[in-house]
């Protein structure tokens, strides 16, 4: 949840406060990438927590999480957009 909140803050900051990122058209996709990743991580964290709780109550093995690849992909895309903007 902390990571999702940080991504929300990063998305808002990218849209409203970054003046040096050129071309300006990159600000929107960067913000959307951060916010969409935050939404997936936030919703996925709740679902994962629910599945873990059920498994613990039933004394079953804990389920794997799909959140880390989503987080890695979102951060990779956001970083790529930033680097592209800084190099052009």
PDB file of N, CA and C in Angstrom:
ATOM      1  N   UNK A   1       0.819  -1.188   0.000  1.00  0.00           N
ATOM      2  CA  UNK A   1       0.000   0.000   0.000  1.00  0.00           C
ATOM      3  C   UNK A   1       0.870   1.263   0.000  1.00  0.00           C
ATOM      4  N   UNK A   2       1.993   1.211   0.708  1.00  0.00           N
ATOM      5  CA  UNK A   2       2.880   2.384   0.711  1.00  0.00           C
ATOM      6  C   UNK A   2       3.420   2.646  -0.692  1.00  0.00           C
ATOM      7  N   UNK A   3       3.724   1.579  -1.409  1.00  0.00           N
ATOM      8  CA  UNK A   3       4.239   1.737  -2.764  1.00  0.00           C
ATOM      9  C   UNK A   3       3.178   2.346  -3.669  1.00  0.00           C
ATOM     10  N   UNK A   4       1.924   1.920  -3.519  1.00  0.00           N
ATOM     11  CA  UNK A   4       0.843   2.485  -4.320  1.00  0.00           C
ATOM     12  C   UNK A   4       0.671   3.967  -4.010  1.00  0.00           C
ATOM     13  N   UNK A   5       0.750   4.331  -2.734  1.00  0.00           N
ATOM     14  CA  UNK A   5       0.634   5.749  -2.376  1.00  0.00           C
ATOM     15  C   UNK A   5       1.791   6.564  -2.938  1.00  0.00           C
ATOM     16  N   UNK A   6       2.978   6.001  -2.915  1.00  0.00           N
ATOM     17  CA  UNK A   6       4.132   6.702  -3.486  1.00  0.00           C
ATOM     18  C   UNK A   6       3.976   6.876  -4.994  1.00  0.00           C
ATOM     19  N   UNK A   7       3.443   5.871  -5.677  1.00  0.00           N
ATOM     20  CA  UNK A   7       3.214   5.994  -7.116  1.00  0.00           C
ATOM     21  C   UNK A   7       2.133   7.022  -7.429  1.00  0.00           C
ATOM     22  N   UNK A   8       1.122   7.116  -6.586  1.00  0.00           N
ATOM     23  CA  UNK A   8       0.103   8.155  -6.781  1.00  0.00           C
ATOM     24  C   UNK A   8       0.745   9.532  -6.656  1.00  0.00           C
ATOM     25  N   UNK A   9       1.553   9.713  -5.613  1.00  0.00           N
ATOM     26  CA  UNK A   9       2.242  10.996  -5.438  1.00  0.00           C
ATOM     27  C   UNK A   9       3.158  11.285  -6.620  1.00  0.00           C
ATOM     28  N   UNK A  10       3.846  10.253  -7.122  1.00  0.00           N
ATOM     29  CA  UNK A  10       4.716  10.438  -8.281  1.00  0.00           C
ATOM     30  C   UNK A  10       3.937  10.800  -9.534  1.00  0.00           C
ATOM     31  N   UNK A  11       2.767  10.205  -9.716  1.00  0.00           N
ATOM     32  CA  UNK A  11       1.942  10.531 -10.877  1.00  0.00           C
ATOM     33  C   UNK A  11       1.429  11.958 -10.834  1.00  0.00           C
ATOM     34  N   UNK A  12       0.998  12.390  -9.671  1.00  0.00           N
ATOM     35  CA  UNK A  12       0.532  13.779  -9.521  1.00  0.00           C
ATOM     36  C   UNK A  12       1.697  14.741  -9.726  1.00  0.00           C
ATOM     37  N   UNK A  13       2.839  14.417  -9.145  1.00  0.00           N
ATOM     38  CA  UNK A  13       4.011  15.283  -9.308  1.00  0.00           C
ATOM     39  C   UNK A  13       4.456  15.351 -10.765  1.00  0.00           C
ATOM     40  N   UNK A  14       4.413  14.228 -11.457  1.00  0.00           N
ATOM     41  CA  UNK A  14       4.823  14.213 -12.861  1.00  0.00           C
ATOM     42  C   UNK A  14       3.918  15.100 -13.696  1.00  0.00           C
ATOM     43  N   UNK A  15       2.649  15.100 -13.394  1.00  0.00           N
ATOM     44  CA  UNK A  15       1.691  15.888 -14.184  1.00  0.00           C
ATOM     45  C   UNK A  15       1.726  17.370 -13.841  1.00  0.00           C
ATOM     46  N   UNK A  16       1.896  17.687 -12.576  1.00  0.00           N
ATOM     47  CA  UNK A  16       1.721  19.070 -12.144  1.00  0.00           C
ATOM     48  C   UNK A  16       3.014  19.841 -11.907  1.00  0.00           C
ATOM     49  N   UNK A  17       4.078  19.158 -11.514  1.00  0.00           N
ATOM     50  CA  UNK A  17       5.240  19.887 -11.014  1.00  0.00           C
ATOM     51  C   UNK A  17       6.509  19.739 -11.834  1.00  0.00           C
ATOM     52  N   UNK A  18       6.564  18.778 -12.738  1.00  0.00           N
ATOM     53  CA  UNK A  18       7.787  18.601 -13.527  1.00  0.00           C
ATOM     54  C   UNK A  18       7.720  19.519 -14.736  1.00  0.00           C
ATOM     55  N   UNK A  19       8.571  20.530 -14.733  1.00  0.00           N
ATOM     56  CA  UNK A  19       8.606  21.478 -15.848  1.00  0.00           C
ATOM     57  C   UNK A  19       9.732  21.169 -16.828  1.00  0.00           C
ATOM     58  N   UNK A  20      10.722  20.429 -16.368  1.00  0.00           N
ATOM     59  CA  UNK A  20      11.901  20.223 -17.200  1.00  0.00           C
ATOM     60  C   UNK A  20      11.782  19.026 -18.140  1.00  0.00           C
ATOM     61  N   UNK A  21      10.736  18.224 -18.012  1.00  0.00           N
ATOM     62  CA  UNK A  21      10.599  17.045 -18.864  1.00  0.00           C
ATOM     63  C   UNK A  21      10.093  17.472 -20.239  1.00  0.00           C
ATOM     64  N   UNK A  22      10.934  17.280 -21.228  1.00  0.00           N
ATOM     65  CA  UNK A  22      10.589  17.612 -22.600  1.00  0.00           C
ATOM     66  C   UNK A  22      10.642  16.344 -23.429  1.00  0.00           C
ATOM     67  N   UNK A  23       9.842  16.136 -24.396  1.00  0.00           N
ATOM     68  CA  UNK A  23       8.727  16.973 -24.802  1.00  0.00           C
ATOM     69  C   UNK A  23       7.593  16.920 -23.773  1.00  0.00           C
ATOM     70  N   UNK A  24       6.830  17.970 -23.735  1.00  0.00           N
ATOM     71  CA  UNK A  24       5.763  18.118 -22.749  1.00  0.00           C
ATOM     72  C   UNK A  24       4.743  16.989 -22.854  1.00  0.00           C
ATOM     73  N   UNK A  25       4.613  16.415 -24.038  1.00  0.00           N
ATOM     74  CA  UNK A  25       3.634  15.353 -24.255  1.00  0.00           C
ATOM     75  C   UNK A  25       3.942  14.113 -23.407  1.00  0.00           C
ATOM     76  N   UNK A  26       5.163  13.969 -22.898  1.00  0.00           N
ATOM     77  CA  UNK A  26       5.518  12.813 -22.069  1.00  0.00           C
ATOM     78  C   UNK A  26       4.959  12.902 -20.649  1.00  0.00           C
ATOM     79  N   UNK A  27       4.594  14.078 -20.202  1.00  0.00           N
ATOM     80  CA  UNK A  27       4.109  14.237 -18.827  1.00  0.00           C
ATOM     81  C   UNK A  27       2.830  13.444 -18.586  1.00  0.00           C
ATOM     82  N   UNK A  28       1.910  13.479 -19.515  1.00  0.00           N
ATOM     83  CA  UNK A  28       0.658  12.745 -19.374  1.00  0.00           C
ATOM     84  C   UNK A  28       0.862  11.235 -19.296  1.00  0.00           C
ATOM     85  N   UNK A  29       1.570  10.640 -20.270  1.00  0.00           N
ATOM     86  CA  UNK A  29       1.806   9.200 -20.185  1.00  0.00           C
ATOM     87  C   UNK A  29       2.587   8.782 -18.936  1.00  0.00           C
ATOM     88  N   UNK A  30       3.517   9.614 -18.493  1.00  0.00           N
ATOM     89  CA  UNK A  30       4.256   9.302 -17.274  1.00  0.00           C
ATOM     90  C   UNK A  30       3.317   9.287 -16.074  1.00  0.00           C
ATOM     91  N   UNK A  31       2.453  10.289 -15.986  1.00  0.00           N
ATOM     92  CA  UNK A  31       1.494  10.346 -14.881  1.00  0.00           C
ATOM     93  C   UNK A  31       0.527   9.167 -14.934  1.00  0.00           C
ATOM     94  N   UNK A  32       0.024   8.850 -16.118  1.00  0.00           N
ATOM     95  CA  UNK A  32      -0.921   7.740 -16.265  1.00  0.00           C
ATOM     96  C   UNK A  32      -0.243   6.410 -15.917  1.00  0.00           C
ATOM     97  N   UNK A  33       1.007   6.239 -16.319  1.00  0.00           N
ATOM     98  CA  UNK A  33       1.736   5.021 -15.987  1.00  0.00           C
ATOM     99  C   UNK A  33       1.852   4.856 -14.476  1.00  0.00           C
ATOM    100  N   UNK A  34       2.225   5.925 -13.791  1.00  0.00           N
ATOM    101  CA  UNK A  34       2.351   5.861 -12.329  1.00  0.00           C
ATOM    102  C   UNK A  34       1.001   5.580 -11.675  1.00  0.00           C
ATOM    103  N   UNK A  35      -0.036   6.266 -12.122  1.00  0.00           N
ATOM    104  CA  UNK A  35      -1.353   6.100 -11.500  1.00  0.00           C
ATOM    105  C   UNK A  35      -1.960   4.726 -11.807  1.00  0.00           C
ATOM    106  N   UNK A  36      -1.782   4.230 -13.021  1.00  0.00           N
ATOM    107  CA  UNK A  36      -2.314   2.906 -13.353  1.00  0.00           C
ATOM    108  C   UNK A  36      -1.579   1.812 -12.581  1.00  0.00           C
ATOM    109  N   UNK A  37      -0.268   1.946 -12.458  1.00  0.00           N
ATOM    110  CA  UNK A  37       0.496   0.976 -11.673  1.00  0.00           C
ATOM    111  C   UNK A  37       0.049   1.023 -10.213  1.00  0.00           C
ATOM    112  N   UNK A  38      -0.195   2.219  -9.689  1.00  0.00           N
ATOM    113  CA  UNK A  38      -0.667   2.356  -8.313  1.00  0.00           C
ATOM    114  C   UNK A  38      -2.020   1.685  -8.125  1.00  0.00           C
ATOM    115  N   UNK A  39      -2.909   1.841  -9.083  1.00  0.00           N
ATOM    116  CA  UNK A  39      -4.226   1.217  -8.977  1.00  0.00           C
ATOM    117  C   UNK A  39      -4.116  -0.308  -8.992  1.00  0.00           C
ATOM    118  N   UNK A  40      -3.281  -0.840  -9.875  1.00  0.00           N
ATOM    119  CA  UNK A  40      -3.096  -2.292  -9.935  1.00  0.00           C
ATOM    120  C   UNK A  40      -2.459  -2.824  -8.654  1.00  0.00           C
ATOM    121  N   UNK A  41      -1.466  -2.121  -8.151  1.00  0.00           N
ATOM    122  CA  UNK A  41      -0.783  -2.564  -6.935  1.00  0.00           C
ATOM    123  C   UNK A  41      -1.718  -2.456  -5.734  1.00  0.00           C
ATOM    124  N   UNK A  42      -2.461  -1.364  -5.625  1.00  0.00           N
ATOM    125  CA  UNK A  42      -3.386  -1.198  -4.498  1.00  0.00           C
ATOM    126  C   UNK A  42      -4.486  -2.244  -4.482  1.00  0.00           C
ATOM    127  N   UNK A  43      -5.120  -2.446  -5.621  1.00  0.00           N
ATOM    128  CA  UNK A  43      -6.171  -3.463  -5.705  1.00  0.00           C
ATOM    129  C   UNK A  43      -5.620  -4.871  -5.556  1.00  0.00           C
ATOM    130  N   UNK A  44      -4.481  -5.109  -6.164  1.00  0.00           N
ATOM    131  CA  UNK A  44      -3.860  -6.427  -6.069  1.00  0.00           C
ATOM    132  C   UNK A  44      -3.387  -6.749  -4.667  1.00  0.00           C
ATOM    133  N   UNK A  45      -2.943  -5.737  -3.919  1.00  0.00           N
ATOM    134  CA  UNK A  45      -2.503  -5.967  -2.538  1.00  0.00           C
ATOM    135  C   UNK A  45      -3.666  -6.436  -1.677  1.00  0.00           C
ATOM    136  N   UNK A  46      -4.830  -5.834  -1.882  1.00  0.00           N
ATOM    137  CA  UNK A  46      -5.997  -6.273  -1.110  1.00  0.00           C
ATOM    138  C   UNK A  46      -6.366  -7.703  -1.461  1.00  0.00           C
ATOM    139  N   UNK A  47      -6.406  -8.016  -2.752  1.00  0.00           N
ATOM    140  CA  UNK A  47      -6.747  -9.374  -3.163  1.00  0.00           C
ATOM    141  C   UNK A  47      -5.727 -10.399  -2.651  1.00  0.00           C
ATOM    142  N   UNK A  48      -4.468 -10.032  -2.700  1.00  0.00           N
ATOM    143  CA  UNK A  48      -3.427 -10.939  -2.207  1.00  0.00           C
ATOM    144  C   UNK A  48      -3.573 -11.136  -0.693  1.00  0.00           C
ATOM    145  N   UNK A  49      -3.811 -10.067   0.028  1.00  0.00           N
ATOM    146  CA  UNK A  49      -4.011 -10.163   1.477  1.00  0.00           C
ATOM    147  C   UNK A  49      -5.184 -11.107   1.780  1.00  0.00           C
ATOM    148  N   UNK A  50      -6.273 -10.965   1.028  1.00  0.00           N
ATOM    149  CA  UNK A  50      -7.449 -11.805   1.244  1.00  0.00           C
ATOM    150  C   UNK A  50      -7.120 -13.276   1.004  1.00  0.00           C
ATOM    151  N   UNK A  51      -6.394 -13.556  -0.089  1.00  0.00           N
ATOM    152  CA  UNK A  51      -6.028 -14.934  -0.398  1.00  0.00           C
ATOM    153  C   UNK A  51      -5.076 -15.515   0.646  1.00  0.00           C
ATOM    154  N   UNK A  52      -4.157 -14.706   1.153  1.00  0.00           N
ATOM    155  CA  UNK A  52      -3.237 -15.167   2.184  1.00  0.00           C
ATOM    156  C   UNK A  52      -4.000 -15.484   3.469  1.00  0.00           C
ATOM    157  N   UNK A  53      -4.955 -14.626   3.823  1.00  0.00           N
ATOM    158  CA  UNK A  53      -5.753 -14.874   5.024  1.00  0.00           C
ATOM    159  C   UNK A  53      -6.523 -16.182   4.913  1.00  0.00           C
ATOM    160  N   UNK A  54      -7.119 -16.426   3.776  1.00  0.00           N
ATOM    161  CA  UNK A  54      -7.852 -17.679   3.578  1.00  0.00           C
ATOM    162  C   UNK A  54      -6.931 -18.882   3.670  1.00  0.00           C
ATOM    163  N   UNK A  55      -5.762 -18.803   3.063  1.00  0.00           N
ATOM    164  CA  UNK A  55      -4.822 -19.920   3.091  1.00  0.00           C
ATOM    165  C   UNK A  55      -4.338 -20.186   4.520  1.00  0.00           C
ATOM    166  N   UNK A  56      -4.095 -19.130   5.281  1.00  0.00           N
ATOM    167  CA  UNK A  56      -3.640 -19.321   6.658  1.00  0.00           C
ATOM    168  C   UNK A  56      -4.732 -19.949   7.517  1.00  0.00           C
ATOM    169  N   UNK A  57      -5.972 -19.538   7.316  1.00  0.00           N
ATOM    170  CA  UNK A  57      -7.073 -20.121   8.084  1.00  0.00           C
ATOM    171  C   UNK A  57      -7.276 -21.601   7.768  1.00  0.00           C
ATOM    172  N   UNK A  58      -6.975 -21.980   6.544  1.00  0.00           N
ATOM    173  CA  UNK A  58      -7.166 -23.377   6.117  1.00  0.00           C
ATOM    174  C   UNK A  58      -5.891 -24.207   6.248  1.00  0.00           C
ATOM    175  N   UNK A  59      -4.841 -23.602   6.787  1.00  0.00           N
ATOM    176  CA  UNK A  59      -3.540 -24.261   6.950  1.00  0.00           C
ATOM    177  C   UNK A  59      -3.007 -24.776   5.616  1.00  0.00           C
ATOM    178  N   UNK A  60      -3.158 -23.970   4.579  1.00  0.00           N
ATOM    179  CA  UNK A  60      -2.673 -24.309   3.248  1.00  0.00           C
ATOM    180  C   UNK A  60      -1.420 -23.483   2.949  1.00  0.00           C
ATOM    181  N   UNK A  61      -0.667 -23.881   1.928  1.00  0.00           N
ATOM    182  CA  UNK A  61       0.496 -23.067   1.540  1.00  0.00           C
ATOM    183  C   UNK A  61       0.050 -21.675   1.082  1.00  0.00           C
ATOM    184  N   UNK A  62       0.890 -20.703   1.341  1.00  0.00           N
ATOM    185  CA  UNK A  62       0.560 -19.331   0.944  1.00  0.00           C
ATOM    186  C   UNK A  62       0.636 -19.184  -0.567  1.00  0.00           C
ATOM    187  N   UNK A  63      -0.285 -18.417  -1.153  1.00  0.00           N
ATOM    188  CA  UNK A  63      -0.300 -18.249  -2.616  1.00  0.00           C
ATOM    189  C   UNK A  63       0.832 -17.335  -3.091  1.00  0.00           C
ATOM    190  N   UNK A  64       1.219 -17.548  -4.323  1.00  0.00           N
ATOM    191  CA  UNK A  64       2.207 -16.665  -4.948  1.00  0.00           C
ATOM    192  C   UNK A  64       1.552 -15.338  -5.295  1.00  0.00           C
ATOM    193  N   UNK A  65       2.375 -14.317  -5.415  1.00  0.00           N
ATOM    194  CA  UNK A  65       1.872 -12.993  -5.749  1.00  0.00           C
ATOM    195  C   UNK A  65       2.293 -12.610  -7.157  1.00  0.00           C
ATOM    196  N   UNK A  66       1.390 -11.977  -7.883  1.00  0.00           N
ATOM    197  CA  UNK A  66       1.687 -11.476  -9.232  1.00  0.00           C
ATOM    198  C   UNK A  66       2.009  -9.978  -9.178  1.00  0.00           C
ATOM    199  N   UNK A  67       2.081  -9.415  -7.976  1.00  0.00           N
ATOM    200  CA  UNK A  67       2.276  -7.971  -7.842  1.00  0.00           C
ATOM    201  C   UNK A  67       3.680  -7.511  -8.235  1.00  0.00           C
ATOM    202  N   UNK A  68       4.690  -8.306  -7.930  1.00  0.00           N
ATOM    203  CA  UNK A  68       6.052  -7.854  -8.191  1.00  0.00           C
ATOM    204  C   UNK A  68       6.333  -7.658  -9.680  1.00  0.00           C
ATOM    205  N   UNK A  69       5.927  -8.568 -10.575  1.00  0.00           N
ATOM    206  CA  UNK A  69       6.144  -8.292 -12.001  1.00  0.00           C
ATOM    207  C   UNK A  69       5.370  -7.057 -12.496  1.00  0.00           C
ATOM    208  N   UNK A  70       4.178  -6.834 -11.965  1.00  0.00           N
ATOM    209  CA  UNK A  70       3.404  -5.647 -12.351  1.00  0.00           C
ATOM    210  C   UNK A  70       4.124  -4.384 -11.899  1.00  0.00           C
ATOM    211  N   UNK A  71       4.596  -4.395 -10.661  1.00  0.00           N
ATOM    212  CA  UNK A  71       5.321  -3.244 -10.137  1.00  0.00           C
ATOM    213  C   UNK A  71       6.597  -2.995 -10.931  1.00  0.00           C
ATOM    214  N   UNK A  72       7.337  -4.054 -11.208  1.00  0.00           N
ATOM    215  CA  UNK A  72       8.578  -3.905 -11.967  1.00  0.00           C
ATOM    216  C   UNK A  72       8.307  -3.363 -13.370  1.00  0.00           C
ATOM    217  N   UNK A  73       7.269  -3.850 -14.020  1.00  0.00           N
ATOM    218  CA  UNK A  73       6.928  -3.360 -15.354  1.00  0.00           C
ATOM    219  C   UNK A  73       6.501  -1.907 -15.350  1.00  0.00           C
ATOM    220  N   UNK A  74       5.688  -1.520 -14.373  1.00  0.00           N
ATOM    221  CA  UNK A  74       5.251  -0.130 -14.284  1.00  0.00           C
ATOM    222  C   UNK A  74       6.396   0.826 -14.007  1.00  0.00           C
ATOM    223  N   UNK A  75       7.279   0.448 -13.106  1.00  0.00           N
ATOM    224  CA  UNK A  75       8.428   1.304 -12.792  1.00  0.00           C
ATOM    225  C   UNK A  75       9.385   1.353 -13.975  1.00  0.00           C
ATOM    226  N   UNK A  76       9.561   0.235 -14.662  1.00  0.00           N
ATOM    227  CA  UNK A  76      10.418   0.223 -15.844  1.00  0.00           C
ATOM    228  C   UNK A  76       9.875   1.145 -16.932  1.00  0.00           C
ATOM    229  N   UNK A  77       8.567   1.095 -17.146  1.00  0.00           N
ATOM    230  CA  UNK A  77       7.963   1.965 -18.152  1.00  0.00           C
ATOM    231  C   UNK A  77       8.082   3.437 -17.764  1.00  0.00           C
ATOM    232  N   UNK A  78       7.831   3.748 -16.494  1.00  0.00           N
ATOM    233  CA  UNK A  78       7.943   5.140 -16.031  1.00  0.00           C
ATOM    234  C   UNK A  78       9.385   5.633 -16.152  1.00  0.00           C
ATOM    235  N   UNK A  79      10.336   4.797 -15.766  1.00  0.00           N
ATOM    236  CA  UNK A  79      11.745   5.198 -15.875  1.00  0.00           C
ATOM    237  C   UNK A  79      12.152   5.372 -17.336  1.00  0.00           C
ATOM    238  N   UNK A  80      11.636   4.510 -18.200  1.00  0.00           N
ATOM    239  CA  UNK A  80      11.960   4.639 -19.634  1.00  0.00           C
ATOM    240  C   UNK A  80      11.413   5.945 -20.195  1.00  0.00           C
ATOM    241  N   UNK A  81      10.213   6.328 -19.809  1.00  0.00           N
ATOM    242  CA  UNK A  81       9.644   7.597 -20.259  1.00  0.00           C
ATOM    243  C   UNK A  81      10.472   8.779 -19.761  1.00  0.00           C
ATOM    244  N   UNK A  82      10.918   8.707 -18.505  1.00  0.00           N
ATOM    245  CA  UNK A  82      11.758   9.787 -17.967  1.00  0.00           C
ATOM    246  C   UNK A  82      13.086   9.882 -18.713  1.00  0.00           C
ATOM    247  N   UNK A  83      13.709   8.729 -18.951  1.00  0.00           N
ATOM    248  CA  UNK A  83      14.988   8.754 -19.651  1.00  0.00           C
ATOM    249  C   UNK A  83      14.838   9.251 -21.076  1.00  0.00           C
ATOM    250  N   UNK A  84      13.770   8.832 -21.733  1.00  0.00           N
ATOM    251  CA  UNK A  84      13.523   9.304 -23.101  1.00  0.00           C
ATOM    252  C   UNK A  84      13.348  10.815 -23.116  1.00  0.00           C
ATOM    253  N   UNK A  85      12.602  11.329 -22.140  1.00  0.00           N
ATOM    254  CA  UNK A  85      12.407  12.765 -22.065  1.00  0.00           C
ATOM    255  C   UNK A  85      13.701  13.521 -21.765  1.00  0.00           C
ATOM    256  N   UNK A  86      14.575  12.933 -20.970  1.00  0.00           N
ATOM    257  CA  UNK A  86      15.815  13.610 -20.632  1.00  0.00           C
ATOM    258  C   UNK A  86      16.822  13.563 -21.775  1.00  0.00           C
ATOM    259  N   UNK A  87      16.733  12.536 -22.615  1.00  0.00           N
ATOM    260  CA  UNK A  87      17.696  12.391 -23.703  1.00  0.00           C
ATOM    261  C   UNK A  87      17.285  13.091 -24.980  1.00  0.00           C
ATOM    262  N   UNK A  88      16.011  13.490 -25.084  1.00  0.00           N
ATOM    263  CA  UNK A  88      15.586  14.153 -26.325  1.00  0.00           C
ATOM    264  C   UNK A  88      15.604  15.642 -26.178  1.00  0.00           C
TER     265      UNK A  88
END
